[in-house]
Amino acid sequence: MGDLAGVVEKLPYLAGLGVDGLWLNPFYASPGHDHGYDVADHCAVDPAYGSLECFDHLVEAAHGHGIRVILDVVPNHASIAHPWFADALAAGPGSPQRARFHFADGRGPGGQLPPNNWRSIFGGPAWTRISEPDGSPGQWYLHTFAAEQPDWNWTHPDVPAHFEQVLSFWLDRGVDGFRIDVAQGLHKKPGLPDHPDAAADEATGDPVNPHAWNQPAVHQVWRSWRALVETYTAADGRDRLLIGEVGLTDPAAVADYTRPGELHHTFCFPFAHATFDAQAYRRVIDTALAHHPGGVAWVANNHDLPRAVTRHTPTTTTTEQDGEEGLPAGADPAQIGLARARAQAALMLALPGAVYLYQGEELGLPDVLDLPETVLKDPMYHRSNGTRPGRDGCRVPLPWTTNPDHHHGFSPPTTTTPAWLPQPPTWADLAADTQHHTTTSTLNLYRQALALRRTIPDLTTHTLTIHNNTPPGLLALTRGTHLTTYTNTTHHPIPTPHPHPGQPILTTHPTPHPPDTIPPTPPSGTTTTTPPTTR
């Protein structure tokens, strides 16, 4: 299945990779309608993953490796299996128990229509009708995601008090912070009115409806959470981190979440979504640094996004697409996608701020696009009747060993069928044990880049200068005073625009290339060099 004991077993691998922390997706008690993001008990470990004793051992072992532990907390919605939701169903309309969620009477004859026109991010109406305790058609409850995930009502005092108890429960067990799911959700516009753009949430998969997202009251939640974690830091001097998943498209609105006294970080999703283009990356980096001068949390992959290798794989090799130059005839699209993902990774790891890596990106894993329908678990796929592919393809577990008969080391050899998504046999070539011994592998590229982030003084500063007047398709940026990173997003080599560049210390290009030249992508990527100290 993949459990807490398995994480402990792989801590030496993570330490050897060079990471500072470990963010765990939900492992709480849950019926698993949405990969554990439908939480039935935030203070219990689901038996499939272990026990509280297993978790305590994990924290102790991780800290022993110098790795901090961050938990996923899900405050926007609960599970239909949560005891408070069961209480709400039993208590009836108008009860204090229902007031912890968003219950409302329907519209139209007999209340047969939803209370408003909001749509679910996962598809379909954002409302589900219940049967009352006497069996009659009853009220509706709000769920901005799956029907199995009723939204909390954060105006009810029980809800913020409950989550402060949840945070304290885990902080008392030694955790180092929290990744906050759907941080822009929580509060809704009072009265839950219709909105003309409500359908955009379903159409785009983004939080667009302003009545459902980003209400001003949500910032008081983050101020209270920040005050709570600061009490722990004041007691022992150890920092605790709050990082928000804020899916808003306005960078200024996202920046509001990291105002003094609120969250420490929010993920920079535009970096993940950017096309493989030098100017696109420059715009994203400029915007992110302007809005988050205290530090940016860069991300190229996560459990909700198609993997970078797949995103960057072209669908054609002979014609122009999306503003890109045409690719060479006969080029391998899969190798192009991998080369671009490696280049994006090297660029990201040269930027100031925090970097979040998703399991398997250090192996250059692509999405698995041919999973049998019988194993697909994502409610996004099922609620859209298959019109949206869902996120299962990026959630297939990492291949540890080359042997496909032993589930690539994910499950014990005696396991007939792993309980989680199956790995394809072709992943043997990407297995961690194979890449460990290959100097030019993606795994070793990540290890080298992470080591450089720790050992090169220029990479420990907050300074960054993006160079102007570079050739089209080339991004050049300098950290500190001595180190420059070049990212060539074209398909042809570009002469180094600065005279007498220094010695390359890391390159995603696996083969030699002419000196003073930045090789192309594909089949290459980013070269980091050390210019003379006079620059």
Protein backbone atom coordinates (compact mmCIF):
# COMPACT_ATOMS: atom_id res chain seq x y z
CA MET A 1 0.00 0.00 0.00
CA GLY A 2 2.78 2.36 0.93
CA ASP A 3 2.81 3.03 4.67
CA LEU A 4 4.58 4.91 7.43
CA ALA A 5 6.98 2.03 8.08
CA GLY A 6 7.91 2.13 4.41
CA VAL A 7 8.70 5.83 4.69
CA VAL A 8 11.01 5.09 7.62
CA GLU A 9 12.73 2.42 5.56
CA LYS A 10 13.43 4.92 2.78
CA LEU A 11 14.69 7.78 4.96
CA PRO A 12 18.34 6.99 4.07
CA TYR A 13 17.41 7.42 0.40
CA LEU A 14 15.86 10.81 1.14
CA ALA A 15 18.86 11.87 3.20
CA GLY A 16 21.15 10.79 0.35
CA LEU A 17 19.05 12.79 -2.08
CA GLY A 18 19.77 15.87 0.02
CA VAL A 19 16.34 17.04 1.13
CA ASP A 20 15.70 19.02 4.31
CA GLY A 21 12.10 18.03 4.94
CA LEU A 22 9.37 15.54 4.17
CA TRP A 23 5.78 16.54 3.40
CA LEU A 24 3.39 13.65 3.92
CA ASN A 25 0.10 13.54 2.05
CA PRO A 26 -2.85 12.64 4.32
CA PHE A 27 -2.46 9.40 6.24
CA TYR A 28 -5.40 10.08 8.56
CA ALA A 29 -8.43 7.86 9.10
CA SER A 30 -10.43 8.14 5.87
CA PRO A 31 -12.72 6.09 3.62
CA GLY A 32 -10.39 7.11 0.78
CA HIS A 33 -12.86 8.69 -1.65
CA ASP A 34 -10.20 11.29 -2.57
CA HIS A 35 -6.79 9.82 -1.77
CA GLY A 36 -7.26 10.59 1.92
CA TYR A 37 -8.28 14.21 1.45
CA ASP A 38 -11.68 13.19 2.81
CA VAL A 39 -10.63 13.04 6.45
CA ALA A 40 -12.77 11.23 9.02
CA ASP A 41 -10.42 11.87 11.96
CA HIS A 42 -7.49 14.27 11.77
CA CYS A 43 -5.97 12.83 14.95
CA ALA A 44 -5.90 9.17 13.95
CA VAL A 45 -3.70 7.20 11.55
CA ASP A 46 -5.57 5.12 9.01
CA PRO A 47 -4.82 1.45 9.80
CA ALA A 48 -3.71 0.92 6.19
CA TYR A 49 -0.73 3.18 6.91
CA GLY A 50 0.12 2.16 10.47
CA SER A 51 -0.53 3.66 13.90
CA LEU A 52 0.30 6.68 16.02
CA GLU A 53 3.28 4.72 17.36
CA CYS A 54 4.48 4.24 13.76
CA PHE A 55 4.12 7.96 13.18
CA ASP A 56 6.06 8.85 16.33
CA HIS A 57 8.85 6.51 15.20
CA LEU A 58 8.87 8.18 11.79
CA VAL A 59 9.28 11.66 13.30
CA GLU A 60 12.09 10.50 15.55
CA ALA A 61 13.86 8.70 12.71
CA ALA A 62 13.45 11.61 10.29
CA HIS A 63 14.84 14.08 12.80
CA GLY A 64 17.74 11.71 13.30
CA HIS A 65 18.53 12.13 9.58
CA GLY A 66 18.18 15.91 9.79
CA ILE A 67 14.84 15.78 7.95
CA ARG A 68 11.88 17.78 9.22
CA VAL A 69 8.31 16.49 8.90
CA ILE A 70 5.42 18.52 7.47
CA LEU A 71 1.86 17.23 7.56
CA ASP A 72 -0.99 17.86 5.14
CA VAL A 73 -3.92 19.45 6.96
CA VAL A 74 -7.31 19.65 5.21
CA PRO A 75 -9.42 22.45 6.75
CA ASN A 76 -11.82 23.23 3.88
CA HIS A 77 -13.81 20.00 4.03
CA ALA A 78 -14.39 16.82 6.01
CA SER A 79 -15.40 13.30 5.09
CA ILE A 80 -18.97 12.08 5.06
CA ALA A 81 -17.60 9.53 7.55
CA HIS A 82 -16.59 12.26 10.02
CA PRO A 83 -18.56 11.85 13.29
CA TRP A 84 -19.67 15.48 13.18
CA PHE A 85 -21.23 14.99 9.75
CA ALA A 86 -23.07 11.91 10.98
CA ASP A 87 -24.33 13.99 13.90
CA ALA A 88 -25.50 16.67 11.48
CA LEU A 89 -27.48 14.19 9.40
CA ALA A 90 -29.17 12.78 12.49
CA ALA A 91 -29.90 16.11 14.19
CA GLY A 92 -32.09 17.58 11.48
CA PRO A 93 -32.61 21.03 9.92
CA GLY A 94 -31.76 24.08 11.99
CA SER A 95 -29.68 22.14 14.51
CA PRO A 96 -26.33 23.34 15.88
CA GLN A 97 -24.81 20.15 14.47
CA ARG A 98 -25.80 21.08 10.92
CA ALA A 99 -24.50 24.61 11.44
CA ARG A 100 -20.95 23.19 11.48
CA PHE A 101 -21.41 22.57 7.73
CA HIS A 102 -23.31 24.38 4.99
CA PHE A 103 -26.81 22.88 4.94
CA ALA A 104 -29.58 24.73 3.10
CA ASP A 105 -33.05 24.18 1.73
CA GLY A 106 -33.32 23.60 -1.98
CA ARG A 107 -34.98 25.87 -4.49
CA GLY A 108 -37.94 25.17 -6.74
CA PRO A 109 -41.01 23.01 -6.06
CA GLY A 110 -40.36 20.77 -3.09
CA GLY A 111 -36.79 22.05 -2.80
CA GLN A 112 -35.70 19.82 -5.65
CA LEU A 113 -33.09 22.23 -7.04
CA PRO A 114 -29.72 23.09 -5.43
CA PRO A 115 -29.66 26.18 -3.17
CA ASN A 116 -27.42 28.10 -5.60
CA ASN A 117 -25.65 27.75 -8.95
CA TRP A 118 -22.18 26.88 -7.64
CA ARG A 119 -20.29 24.04 -9.32
CA SER A 120 -17.77 21.60 -7.91
CA ILE A 121 -14.10 21.85 -8.83
CA PHE A 122 -14.33 18.11 -9.53
CA GLY A 123 -17.39 18.49 -11.75
CA GLY A 124 -21.13 18.60 -11.27
CA PRO A 125 -23.18 20.63 -8.79
CA ALA A 126 -21.50 21.75 -5.57
CA TRP A 127 -24.53 20.46 -3.65
CA THR A 128 -25.90 17.04 -2.71
CA ARG A 129 -29.37 16.41 -1.31
CA ILE A 130 -29.83 14.18 1.70
CA SER A 131 -32.65 12.11 3.07
CA GLU A 132 -33.85 13.34 6.44
CA PRO A 133 -33.99 10.98 9.45
CA ASP A 134 -37.63 10.20 8.63
CA GLY A 135 -36.70 9.22 5.08
CA SER A 136 -38.19 12.28 3.36
CA PRO A 137 -36.21 14.31 0.76
CA GLY A 138 -34.31 16.85 2.78
CA GLN A 139 -31.80 19.65 2.76
CA TRP A 140 -28.72 20.02 0.61
CA TYR A 141 -25.11 20.27 1.79
CA LEU A 142 -22.27 22.16 0.09
CA HIS A 143 -19.16 20.40 -1.22
CA THR A 144 -16.81 22.42 -3.42
CA PHE A 145 -15.03 19.16 -4.31
CA ALA A 146 -16.47 15.61 -4.18
CA ALA A 147 -19.85 14.77 -2.69
CA GLU A 148 -17.99 12.74 -0.07
CA GLN A 149 -16.27 15.96 1.13
CA PRO A 150 -18.76 18.31 2.83
CA ASP A 151 -17.38 21.81 3.37
CA TRP A 152 -16.90 23.05 6.91
CA ASN A 153 -18.68 26.23 7.99
CA TRP A 154 -15.87 28.31 9.45
CA THR A 155 -18.25 30.87 10.92
CA HIS A 156 -19.31 28.24 13.49
CA PRO A 157 -17.02 28.56 16.54
CA ASP A 158 -16.65 24.78 16.89
CA VAL A 159 -14.76 24.54 13.59
CA PRO A 160 -11.78 26.87 14.21
CA ALA A 161 -11.52 25.53 17.76
CA HIS A 162 -11.42 21.97 16.43
CA PHE A 163 -8.60 22.68 14.01
CA GLU A 164 -6.50 24.48 16.59
CA GLN A 165 -6.79 21.30 18.66
CA VAL A 166 -5.74 19.26 15.60
CA LEU A 167 -2.66 21.42 15.02
CA SER A 168 -1.69 21.22 18.69
CA PHE A 169 -2.13 17.44 18.69
CA TRP A 170 0.49 17.02 15.95
CA LEU A 171 2.79 19.83 17.11
CA ASP A 172 2.92 18.10 20.50
CA ARG A 173 4.10 14.96 18.65
CA GLY A 174 7.04 16.85 17.14
CA VAL A 175 5.95 17.84 13.64
CA ASP A 176 7.67 20.80 12.02
CA GLY A 177 4.79 22.41 10.17
CA PHE A 178 1.80 22.03 7.94
CA ARG A 179 0.94 22.19 4.27
CA ILE A 180 -2.58 23.64 4.14
CA ASP A 181 -4.94 22.20 1.55
CA VAL A 182 -7.24 24.65 -0.31
CA ALA A 183 -6.06 27.57 1.79
CA GLN A 184 -8.22 30.02 -0.18
CA GLY A 185 -11.43 28.08 0.61
CA LEU A 186 -12.75 27.90 4.19
CA HIS A 187 -14.94 31.03 4.29
CA LYS A 188 -17.75 31.60 1.76
CA LYS A 189 -19.63 34.78 0.91
CA PRO A 190 -22.40 35.21 3.51
CA GLY A 191 -25.74 34.04 2.20
CA LEU A 192 -24.09 31.79 -0.44
CA PRO A 193 -25.50 33.81 -3.37
CA ASP A 194 -25.43 32.82 -7.04
CA HIS A 195 -22.56 34.11 -9.17
CA PRO A 196 -22.52 34.50 -12.97
CA ASP A 197 -19.07 32.84 -13.20
CA ALA A 198 -19.88 29.91 -10.90
CA ALA A 199 -19.58 27.42 -13.76
CA ALA A 200 -15.95 28.40 -14.31
CA ASP A 201 -14.88 26.36 -11.29
CA GLU A 202 -16.00 23.18 -13.02
CA ALA A 203 -14.87 24.26 -16.49
CA THR A 204 -11.33 25.23 -15.48
CA GLY A 205 -10.69 23.22 -12.33
CA ASP A 206 -9.54 26.49 -10.72
CA PRO A 207 -11.15 28.44 -7.86
CA VAL A 208 -12.73 31.18 -9.98
CA ASN A 209 -16.11 31.84 -8.33
CA PRO A 210 -15.36 34.77 -5.99
CA HIS A 211 -18.31 33.94 -3.77
CA ALA A 212 -16.86 30.51 -2.96
CA TRP A 213 -13.18 31.42 -2.56
CA ASN A 214 -10.77 34.00 -1.13
CA GLN A 215 -13.14 35.70 1.27
CA PRO A 216 -11.41 38.32 3.49
CA ALA A 217 -12.28 36.39 6.66
CA VAL A 218 -9.93 33.55 5.69
CA HIS A 219 -6.92 35.68 6.60
CA GLN A 220 -7.97 35.75 10.25
CA VAL A 221 -7.65 31.97 10.23
CA TRP A 222 -4.04 32.17 9.10
CA ARG A 223 -3.23 34.87 11.61
CA SER A 224 -4.56 32.65 14.39
CA TRP A 225 -2.66 29.60 13.09
CA ARG A 226 0.55 31.61 12.79
CA ALA A 227 0.15 32.81 16.38
CA LEU A 228 -0.33 29.21 17.50
CA VAL A 229 2.81 27.85 15.82
CA GLU A 230 4.82 30.81 17.07
CA THR A 231 4.02 29.79 20.65
CA TYR A 232 5.77 26.48 19.98
CA THR A 233 8.75 28.23 18.40
CA ALA A 234 8.98 30.60 21.36
CA ALA A 235 9.03 27.63 23.73
CA ASP A 236 11.92 25.72 22.14
CA GLY A 237 13.44 27.96 19.43
CA ARG A 238 12.55 25.52 16.64
CA ASP A 239 10.77 27.02 13.64
CA ARG A 240 7.44 25.60 12.48
CA LEU A 241 6.35 26.19 8.90
CA LEU A 242 2.95 27.04 7.44
CA ILE A 243 2.72 26.72 3.66
CA GLY A 244 -0.51 27.23 1.79
CA GLU A 245 -1.92 25.66 -1.33
CA VAL A 246 -3.46 28.83 -2.77
CA GLY A 247 -4.84 28.12 -6.23
CA LEU A 248 -5.82 31.70 -7.10
CA THR A 249 -4.71 33.04 -10.47
CA ASP A 250 -4.08 36.65 -9.34
CA PRO A 251 -0.50 36.87 -7.99
CA ALA A 252 -1.35 39.89 -5.84
CA ALA A 253 -4.18 37.97 -4.17
CA VAL A 254 -1.85 35.01 -3.53
CA ALA A 255 0.71 37.39 -2.01
CA ASP A 256 -1.84 38.49 0.58
CA TYR A 257 -1.56 35.05 2.18
CA THR A 258 2.08 35.67 3.10
CA ARG A 259 1.61 39.07 4.68
CA PRO A 260 3.36 39.50 8.06
CA GLY A 261 1.74 37.32 10.66
CA GLU A 262 0.07 34.93 8.18
CA LEU A 263 1.51 31.99 6.20
CA HIS A 264 5.25 31.65 5.66
CA HIS A 265 4.94 30.45 2.06
CA THR A 266 2.53 29.70 -0.75
CA PHE A 267 3.40 27.48 -3.69
CA CYS A 268 4.45 29.19 -6.91
CA PHE A 269 2.22 27.21 -9.27
CA PRO A 270 2.87 29.47 -12.31
CA PHE A 271 6.39 28.05 -12.45
CA ALA A 272 4.94 24.56 -12.89
CA HIS A 273 2.39 25.72 -15.45
CA ALA A 274 4.81 27.80 -17.56
CA THR A 275 5.53 26.69 -21.11
CA PHE A 276 9.11 25.67 -21.80
CA ASP A 277 10.20 29.09 -22.96
CA ALA A 278 12.89 31.43 -21.63
CA GLN A 279 10.65 34.50 -21.61
CA ALA A 280 7.82 32.61 -19.92
CA TYR A 281 10.15 31.54 -17.12
CA ARG A 282 11.52 35.06 -16.80
CA ARG A 283 8.03 36.50 -16.40
CA VAL A 284 7.13 33.92 -13.76
CA ILE A 285 10.35 34.45 -11.79
CA ASP A 286 10.11 38.25 -11.95
CA THR A 287 6.48 38.20 -10.81
CA ALA A 288 7.06 35.71 -8.01
CA LEU A 289 10.04 37.56 -6.55
CA ALA A 290 8.22 40.89 -6.78
CA HIS A 291 5.22 39.60 -4.85
CA HIS A 292 7.12 37.42 -2.36
CA PRO A 293 10.29 39.30 -1.39
CA GLY A 294 10.58 37.16 1.74
CA GLY A 295 11.02 33.99 -0.29
CA VAL A 296 9.30 31.94 -2.96
CA ALA A 297 8.28 28.27 -2.70
CA TRP A 298 9.04 26.87 -6.17
CA VAL A 299 7.33 23.77 -7.46
CA ALA A 300 7.44 21.92 -10.79
CA ASN A 301 5.48 18.81 -9.80
CA ASN A 302 2.98 17.65 -7.21
CA HIS A 303 0.22 15.11 -6.64
CA ASP A 304 -2.38 17.27 -8.46
CA LEU A 305 -0.41 18.08 -11.63
CA PRO A 306 0.65 16.11 -14.69
CA ARG A 307 4.32 15.34 -14.23
CA ALA A 308 6.80 17.75 -15.82
CA VAL A 309 8.16 15.08 -18.18
CA THR A 310 4.66 14.54 -19.58
CA ARG A 311 3.75 18.25 -19.62
CA HIS A 312 6.89 19.04 -21.60
CA THR A 313 6.56 16.16 -24.06
CA PRO A 314 5.52 17.57 -27.45
CA THR A 315 2.71 16.04 -29.43
CA THR A 316 4.46 16.73 -32.74
CA THR A 317 8.07 16.86 -33.85
CA THR A 318 7.80 18.62 -37.18
CA THR A 319 5.53 21.66 -36.85
CA GLU A 320 5.30 24.70 -34.63
CA GLN A 321 2.99 24.46 -31.64
CA ASP A 322 2.05 26.84 -28.84
CA GLY A 323 4.50 29.42 -30.15
CA GLU A 324 7.45 27.03 -30.09
CA GLU A 325 9.80 26.52 -32.98
CA GLY A 326 9.28 23.31 -34.93
CA LEU A 327 11.13 20.32 -33.51
CA PRO A 328 13.65 18.31 -35.51
CA ALA A 329 12.14 15.57 -37.64
CA GLY A 330 12.73 12.17 -36.11
CA ALA A 331 13.23 13.51 -32.58
CA ASP A 332 11.93 11.33 -29.76
CA PRO A 333 9.12 13.23 -27.99
CA ALA A 334 9.66 11.31 -24.75
CA GLN A 335 13.34 12.23 -24.66
CA ILE A 336 12.44 15.84 -25.40
CA GLY A 337 10.03 15.85 -22.45
CA LEU A 338 12.68 14.40 -20.14
CA ALA A 339 15.33 16.86 -21.33
CA ARG A 340 13.02 19.80 -20.74
CA ALA A 341 12.03 18.54 -17.30
CA ARG A 342 15.70 18.20 -16.35
CA ALA A 343 16.37 21.73 -17.58
CA GLN A 344 13.42 23.12 -15.63
CA ALA A 345 14.63 21.30 -12.51
CA ALA A 346 18.15 22.67 -12.80
CA LEU A 347 16.77 26.19 -13.23
CA MET A 348 14.43 25.78 -10.25
CA LEU A 349 17.18 24.47 -7.99
CA ALA A 350 19.30 27.52 -8.83
CA LEU A 351 16.62 29.97 -7.66
CA PRO A 352 16.49 31.63 -4.23
CA GLY A 353 13.83 30.41 -1.82
CA ALA A 354 12.38 26.99 -1.03
CA VAL A 355 11.95 24.13 -3.51
CA TYR A 356 9.36 21.37 -3.15
CA LEU A 357 10.08 18.10 -4.98
CA TYR A 358 7.40 15.50 -5.63
CA GLN A 359 8.14 11.80 -5.21
CA GLY A 360 9.65 10.40 -8.39
CA GLU A 361 10.46 13.64 -10.17
CA GLU A 362 14.08 13.02 -9.23
CA LEU A 363 13.83 9.86 -11.36
CA GLY A 364 12.33 11.67 -14.36
CA LEU A 365 9.07 9.74 -14.09
CA PRO A 366 6.33 10.51 -16.64
CA ASP A 367 2.60 10.16 -16.04
CA VAL A 368 1.17 6.68 -16.57
CA LEU A 369 -1.45 7.39 -19.23
CA ASP A 370 -2.78 3.87 -19.81
CA LEU A 371 -3.93 2.83 -16.34
CA PRO A 372 -6.88 0.42 -16.58
CA GLU A 373 -10.19 2.06 -15.76
CA THR A 374 -10.73 -0.52 -13.04
CA VAL A 375 -7.88 0.93 -10.95
CA LEU A 376 -8.63 4.63 -11.41
CA LYS A 377 -9.44 6.20 -8.05
CA ASP A 378 -9.67 9.95 -8.69
CA PRO A 379 -13.18 11.40 -8.14
CA MET A 380 -12.35 14.03 -10.75
CA TYR A 381 -12.32 11.29 -13.38
CA HIS A 382 -15.48 9.62 -12.16
CA ARG A 383 -17.53 12.81 -11.57
CA SER A 384 -16.73 14.01 -15.11
CA ASN A 385 -17.64 10.62 -16.62
CA GLY A 386 -14.10 10.32 -17.92
CA THR A 387 -13.96 13.64 -19.77
CA ARG A 388 -11.24 14.81 -17.34
CA PRO A 389 -8.37 12.34 -16.99
CA GLY A 390 -7.90 12.90 -13.29
CA ARG A 391 -4.67 12.75 -11.33
CA ASP A 392 -4.03 9.03 -10.95
CA GLY A 393 -1.40 9.09 -13.69
CA CYS A 394 0.98 11.22 -11.59
CA ARG A 395 0.32 9.27 -8.38
CA VAL A 396 1.74 5.89 -9.39
CA PRO A 397 4.38 4.98 -6.79
CA LEU A 398 8.09 5.31 -7.30
CA PRO A 399 10.00 2.30 -8.72
CA TRP A 400 12.76 1.39 -6.30
CA THR A 401 14.16 -1.65 -8.11
CA THR A 402 14.33 -2.95 -11.67
CA ASN A 403 12.42 -6.17 -10.96
CA PRO A 404 8.79 -5.72 -12.14
CA ASP A 405 7.79 -9.12 -10.69
CA HIS A 406 8.42 -7.68 -7.22
CA HIS A 407 6.42 -4.50 -7.90
CA HIS A 408 9.66 -2.57 -8.43
CA GLY A 409 10.35 -2.79 -4.69
CA PHE A 410 7.18 -0.95 -3.68
CA SER A 411 5.48 -3.95 -2.03
CA PRO A 412 6.93 -7.15 -0.58
CA PRO A 413 7.57 -9.91 -3.16
CA THR A 414 4.83 -12.04 -1.59
CA THR A 415 2.20 -9.40 -2.37
CA THR A 416 -0.03 -10.65 -5.18
CA THR A 417 -1.38 -7.26 -6.20
CA PRO A 418 -0.34 -3.98 -4.55
CA ALA A 419 -3.29 -2.05 -3.13
CA TRP A 420 -2.25 1.17 -4.83
CA LEU A 421 -1.88 2.12 -8.50
CA PRO A 422 0.21 -0.34 -10.55
CA GLN A 423 3.59 0.59 -12.03
CA PRO A 424 4.26 -0.15 -15.71
CA PRO A 425 7.00 -2.70 -16.52
CA THR A 426 8.79 -0.02 -18.58
CA TRP A 427 9.68 1.76 -15.36
CA ALA A 428 12.46 -0.75 -14.75
CA ASP A 429 14.75 1.57 -16.73
CA LEU A 430 13.86 4.44 -14.38
CA ALA A 431 14.24 2.53 -11.11
CA ALA A 432 16.17 4.19 -8.31
CA ASP A 433 18.68 1.35 -8.01
CA THR A 434 19.58 1.66 -11.70
CA GLN A 435 19.88 5.44 -11.64
CA HIS A 436 21.97 5.37 -8.49
CA HIS A 437 24.82 3.78 -10.44
CA THR A 438 24.49 5.96 -13.57
CA THR A 439 26.44 9.20 -13.26
CA THR A 440 24.35 11.07 -15.86
CA SER A 441 21.00 9.90 -14.48
CA THR A 442 18.27 12.29 -13.45
CA LEU A 443 18.58 11.05 -9.88
CA ASN A 444 22.22 12.04 -9.74
CA LEU A 445 21.44 15.37 -11.41
CA TYR A 446 19.10 16.18 -8.53
CA ARG A 447 21.61 14.98 -5.95
CA GLN A 448 24.34 17.17 -7.43
CA ALA A 449 22.10 20.22 -7.70
CA LEU A 450 20.86 19.84 -4.11
CA ALA A 451 24.43 19.47 -2.88
CA LEU A 452 25.44 22.64 -4.70
CA ARG A 453 22.55 24.55 -3.08
CA ARG A 454 24.10 23.74 0.28
CA THR A 455 27.80 24.19 -0.49
CA ILE A 456 28.11 27.14 -2.90
CA PRO A 457 27.92 30.44 -0.97
CA ASP A 458 26.25 32.30 -3.84
CA LEU A 459 23.34 29.85 -3.75
CA THR A 460 22.71 30.56 -0.07
CA THR A 461 22.01 34.26 -0.71
CA HIS A 462 18.69 35.87 -1.58
CA THR A 463 20.15 37.86 -4.46
CA LEU A 464 19.22 37.17 -8.05
CA THR A 465 19.92 39.18 -11.20
CA ILE A 466 18.25 38.29 -14.48
CA HIS A 467 20.33 39.41 -17.43
CA ASN A 468 18.94 41.55 -20.22
CA ASN A 469 19.90 41.51 -23.89
CA THR A 470 20.38 37.76 -24.09
CA PRO A 471 19.69 35.93 -27.36
CA PRO A 472 16.11 34.77 -27.91
CA GLY A 473 15.42 31.51 -26.11
CA LEU A 474 18.18 31.95 -23.51
CA LEU A 475 17.56 32.81 -19.87
CA ALA A 476 20.61 33.93 -17.90
CA LEU A 477 20.50 34.72 -14.20
CA THR A 478 23.20 35.31 -11.59
CA ARG A 479 23.09 34.36 -7.93
CA GLY A 480 25.29 36.34 -5.59
CA THR A 481 28.31 37.63 -7.52
CA HIS A 482 29.98 34.55 -8.95
CA LEU A 483 27.45 32.04 -10.25
CA THR A 484 25.37 32.23 -13.43
CA THR A 485 22.79 29.79 -14.70
CA TYR A 486 21.96 29.58 -18.40
CA THR A 487 18.78 27.91 -19.62
CA ASN A 488 18.56 27.32 -23.36
CA THR A 489 14.94 26.57 -24.31
CA THR A 490 15.64 26.38 -28.05
CA HIS A 491 16.65 23.42 -30.21
CA HIS A 492 19.99 24.89 -31.31
CA PRO A 493 23.20 25.81 -29.46
CA ILE A 494 23.66 29.43 -28.36
CA PRO A 495 27.07 31.06 -27.80
CA THR A 496 27.59 32.13 -24.20
CA PRO A 497 26.64 35.83 -24.19
CA HIS A 498 29.26 36.78 -21.57
CA PRO A 499 33.01 36.82 -22.30
CA HIS A 500 35.28 34.34 -20.55
CA PRO A 501 32.68 32.30 -18.67
CA GLY A 502 33.96 30.18 -15.84
CA GLN A 503 34.16 26.45 -15.50
CA PRO A 504 30.83 24.59 -15.74
CA ILE A 505 29.97 22.95 -12.44
CA LEU A 506 26.68 21.32 -13.43
CA THR A 507 25.02 20.62 -16.75
CA THR A 508 21.94 18.70 -17.77
CA HIS A 509 23.65 17.98 -21.10
CA PRO A 510 24.98 14.43 -20.92
CA THR A 511 27.61 14.73 -23.67
CA PRO A 512 30.46 17.16 -24.41
CA HIS A 513 29.67 20.32 -26.32
CA PRO A 514 31.75 23.21 -27.72
CA PRO A 515 33.25 25.50 -25.08
CA ASP A 516 31.52 28.83 -24.45
CA THR A 517 28.31 27.36 -25.88
CA ILE A 518 24.99 26.65 -24.20
CA PRO A 519 23.70 23.41 -25.71
CA PRO A 520 20.12 23.09 -26.94
CA THR A 521 17.07 21.40 -25.49
CA PRO A 522 16.55 18.77 -26.76
CA PRO A 523 18.62 16.81 -26.22
CA SER A 524 20.11 18.98 -23.53
CA GLY A 525 19.14 21.62 -21.07
CA THR A 526 20.66 23.98 -18.56
CA THR A 527 24.30 24.67 -17.84
CA THR A 528 25.40 26.39 -14.66
CA THR A 529 28.77 28.16 -14.82
CA THR A 530 30.95 30.31 -12.60
CA PRO A 531 31.87 33.58 -14.37
CA PRO A 532 34.94 35.58 -13.33
CA THR A 533 34.69 37.34 -9.99
CA THR A 534 34.84 40.71 -11.75
CA ARG A 535 31.28 40.20 -13.01
